[in-house]
C-alpha atoms as a PDB file:
ATOM      1  CA  MET A   1    -209.266 117.093  -0.441  1.00  0.00           C
ATOM      2  CA  PRO A   2    -205.817 117.610  -2.049  1.00  0.00           C
ATOM      3  CA  ILE A   3    -204.723 115.316  -4.866  1.00  0.00           C
ATOM      4  CA  PHE A   4    -201.889 112.962  -3.899  1.00  0.00           C
ATOM      5  CA  LEU A   5    -199.078 112.609  -6.436  1.00  0.00           C
ATOM      6  CA  PRO A   6    -196.389 110.022  -5.588  1.00  0.00           C
ATOM      7  CA  LEU A   7    -192.753 110.997  -6.075  1.00  0.00           C
ATOM      8  CA  GLN A   8    -191.007 109.692  -9.198  1.00  0.00           C
ATOM      9  CA  GLY A   9    -187.974 108.304  -7.352  1.00  0.00           C
ATOM     10  CA  THR A  10    -187.320 105.810  -4.574  1.00  0.00           C
ATOM     11  CA  ILE A  11    -188.611 107.151  -1.248  1.00  0.00           C
ATOM     12  CA  LEU A  12    -187.616 104.258   1.030  1.00  0.00           C
ATOM     13  CA  GLY A  13    -185.299 101.288   0.682  1.00  0.00           C
ATOM     14  CA  TRP A  14    -184.068  98.215   2.530  1.00  0.00           C
ATOM     15  CA  GLU A  15    -180.759  96.365   2.327  1.00  0.00           C
ATOM     16  CA  LEU A  16    -180.878  92.578   2.481  1.00  0.00           C
ATOM     17  CA  GLU A  17    -178.749  89.518   1.770  1.00  0.00           C
ATOM     18  CA  LYS A  18    -180.796  87.453  -0.733  1.00  0.00           C
ATOM     19  CA  ILE A  19    -182.681  89.807  -3.012  1.00  0.00           C
ATOM     20  CA  GLU A  20    -183.944  86.997  -5.286  1.00  0.00           C
ATOM     21  CA  GLU A  21    -186.069  85.638  -2.409  1.00  0.00           C
ATOM     22  CA  VAL A  22    -187.896  88.948  -1.909  1.00  0.00           C
ATOM     23  CA  VAL A  23    -188.562  90.496  -5.331  1.00  0.00           C
ATOM     24  CA  GLY A  24    -192.133  90.710  -6.525  1.00  0.00           C
ATOM     25  CA  ARG A  25    -194.060  91.547  -9.667  1.00  0.00           C
ATOM     26  CA  GLU A  26    -192.851  95.094 -10.358  1.00  0.00           C
ATOM     27  CA  LYS A  27    -190.471  95.152 -13.325  1.00  0.00           C
ATOM     28  CA  TYR A  28    -188.528  98.089 -14.750  1.00  0.00           C
ATOM     29  CA  ALA A  29    -187.296  98.097 -18.359  1.00  0.00           C
ATOM     30  CA  PHE A  30    -183.661  98.790 -17.406  1.00  0.00           C
ATOM     31  CA  ALA A  31    -183.362  95.723 -15.123  1.00  0.00           C
ATOM     32  CA  GLN A  32    -181.044  93.145 -16.676  1.00  0.00           C
ATOM     33  CA  ASP A  33    -182.905  90.247 -15.009  1.00  0.00           C
ATOM     34  CA  LYS A  34    -186.220  90.452 -16.890  1.00  0.00           C
ATOM     35  CA  GLU A  35    -187.753  87.541 -14.963  1.00  0.00           C
ATOM     36  CA  LEU A  36    -187.161  88.912 -11.451  1.00  0.00           C
ATOM     37  CA  GLY A  37    -186.825  92.628 -12.255  1.00  0.00           C
ATOM     38  CA  ILE A  38    -183.412  93.011 -10.574  1.00  0.00           C
ATOM     39  CA  TRP A  39    -180.915  95.626 -11.777  1.00  0.00           C
ATOM     40  CA  THR A  40    -177.218  94.858 -11.162  1.00  0.00           C
ATOM     41  CA  ALA A  41    -174.903  97.858 -10.798  1.00  0.00           C
ATOM     42  CA  PRO A  42    -171.432  97.806 -12.383  1.00  0.00           C
ATOM     43  CA  GLY A  43    -169.920  97.114  -8.937  1.00  0.00           C
ATOM     44  CA  GLY A  44    -172.148  94.061  -8.395  1.00  0.00           C
ATOM     45  CA  ASP A  45    -174.758  95.563  -6.044  1.00  0.00           C
ATOM     46  CA  LYS A  46    -178.285  94.357  -6.875  1.00  0.00           C
ATOM     47  CA  VAL A  47    -181.404  96.543  -6.648  1.00  0.00           C
ATOM     48  CA  ALA A  48    -185.123  95.978  -7.240  1.00  0.00           C
ATOM     49  CA  TRP A  49    -188.010  98.417  -6.923  1.00  0.00           C
ATOM     50  CA  PHE A  50    -191.725  98.097  -6.291  1.00  0.00           C
ATOM     51  CA  LYS A  51    -194.658 100.393  -5.619  1.00  0.00           C
ATOM     52  CA  ASP A  52    -196.727 100.663  -2.456  1.00  0.00           C
ATOM     53  CA  PRO A  53    -200.525 100.949  -2.713  1.00  0.00           C
ATOM     54  CA  ALA A  54    -200.259 104.763  -3.020  1.00  0.00           C
ATOM     55  CA  GLY A  55    -197.834 104.501  -5.954  1.00  0.00           C
ATOM     56  CA  ASN A  56    -194.659 105.447  -4.063  1.00  0.00           C
ATOM     57  CA  ILE A  57    -191.513 103.671  -5.268  1.00  0.00           C
ATOM     58  CA  LEU A  58    -189.745 101.560  -2.640  1.00  0.00           C
ATOM     59  CA  GLY A  59    -186.457  99.733  -3.111  1.00  0.00           C
ATOM     60  CA  ILE A  60    -184.548  96.725  -1.855  1.00  0.00           C
ATOM     61  CA  SER A  61    -180.829  96.218  -2.369  1.00  0.00           C
ATOM     62  CA  GLN A  62    -178.198  93.551  -1.907  1.00  0.00           C
ATOM     63  CA  PRO A  63    -174.573  94.698  -1.610  1.00  0.00           C
ATOM     64  CA  ALA A  64    -171.980  92.935  -3.726  1.00  0.00           C
ATOM     65  CA  ARG A  65    -170.178  90.154  -1.912  1.00  0.00           C
ATOM     66  CA  GLY A  66    -166.762  91.074  -0.653  1.00  0.00           C
ATOM     67  CA  ARG A  67    -167.450  94.791  -1.012  1.00  0.00           C
ATOM     68  CA  THR A  68    -165.441  96.918   1.363  1.00  0.00           C
ATOM     69  CA  GLU A  69    -166.860 100.123   2.779  1.00  0.00           C
END
Protein backbone atom coordinates (compact mmCIF):
# COMPACT_ATOMS: atom_id res chain seq x y z
CA MET A 1 0.00 0.00 0.00
CA PRO A 2 1.47 3.42 -0.94
CA ILE A 3 2.23 5.93 1.81
CA PHE A 4 -0.08 8.96 1.79
CA LEU A 5 1.60 12.33 2.27
CA PRO A 6 -0.75 15.34 2.54
CA LEU A 7 0.11 18.47 0.58
CA GLN A 8 1.70 21.35 2.51
CA GLY A 9 -0.71 24.01 1.23
CA THR A 10 -4.46 24.59 1.23
CA ILE A 11 -6.20 22.06 -1.03
CA LEU A 12 -9.81 23.22 -0.60
CA GLY A 13 -11.45 26.34 0.76
CA TRP A 14 -14.84 27.89 1.45
CA GLU A 15 -15.93 31.52 1.52
CA LEU A 16 -18.39 32.55 4.22
CA GLU A 17 -19.79 35.63 5.93
CA LYS A 18 -19.03 35.13 9.66
CA ILE A 19 -15.72 33.33 10.00
CA GLU A 20 -15.62 33.70 13.81
CA GLU A 21 -18.65 31.38 14.10
CA VAL A 22 -16.94 28.55 12.20
CA VAL A 23 -13.27 28.44 13.24
CA GLY A 24 -12.08 25.47 15.23
CA ARG A 25 -9.03 24.35 17.16
CA GLU A 26 -6.34 24.54 14.47
CA LYS A 27 -4.05 27.52 15.06
CA TYR A 28 -1.18 28.77 12.91
CA ALA A 29 1.62 30.91 14.37
CA PHE A 30 1.17 33.72 11.82
CA ALA A 31 -2.52 34.30 12.66
CA GLN A 32 -2.97 37.65 14.40
CA ASP A 33 -6.01 36.39 16.36
CA LYS A 34 -4.29 33.85 18.64
CA GLU A 35 -7.55 32.82 20.33
CA LEU A 36 -9.49 31.93 17.16
CA GLY A 37 -6.57 31.31 14.77
CA ILE A 38 -7.77 33.81 12.14
CA TRP A 39 -5.30 35.61 9.87
CA THR A 40 -6.38 39.02 8.53
CA ALA A 41 -4.89 40.09 5.19
CA PRO A 42 -3.80 43.70 4.65
CA GLY A 43 -6.98 44.32 2.62
CA GLY A 44 -9.22 43.09 5.46
CA ASP A 45 -10.05 39.59 4.18
CA LYS A 46 -10.02 37.00 6.99
CA VAL A 47 -8.75 33.42 6.59
CA ALA A 48 -8.50 30.39 8.88
CA TRP A 49 -7.15 26.93 8.15
CA PHE A 50 -7.72 23.48 9.60
CA LYS A 51 -6.73 19.91 8.79
CA ASP A 52 -8.98 17.05 7.73
CA PRO A 53 -8.47 13.59 9.26
CA ALA A 54 -5.89 12.74 6.56
CA GLY A 55 -3.82 15.85 7.34
CA ASN A 56 -4.84 17.90 4.29
CA ILE A 57 -5.09 21.65 4.91
CA LEU A 58 -8.52 23.16 4.26
CA GLY A 59 -9.39 26.85 4.46
CA ILE A 60 -12.30 29.16 5.14
CA SER A 61 -12.33 32.84 4.23
CA GLN A 62 -14.43 35.92 4.80
CA PRO A 63 -14.08 38.77 2.29
CA ALA A 64 -13.59 42.27 3.64
CA ARG A 65 -16.79 44.25 3.90
CA GLY A 66 -17.33 46.71 1.11
CA ARG A 67 -14.73 45.03 -1.09
CA THR A 68 -15.35 45.52 -4.77
CA GLU A 69 -14.44 42.84 -7.27
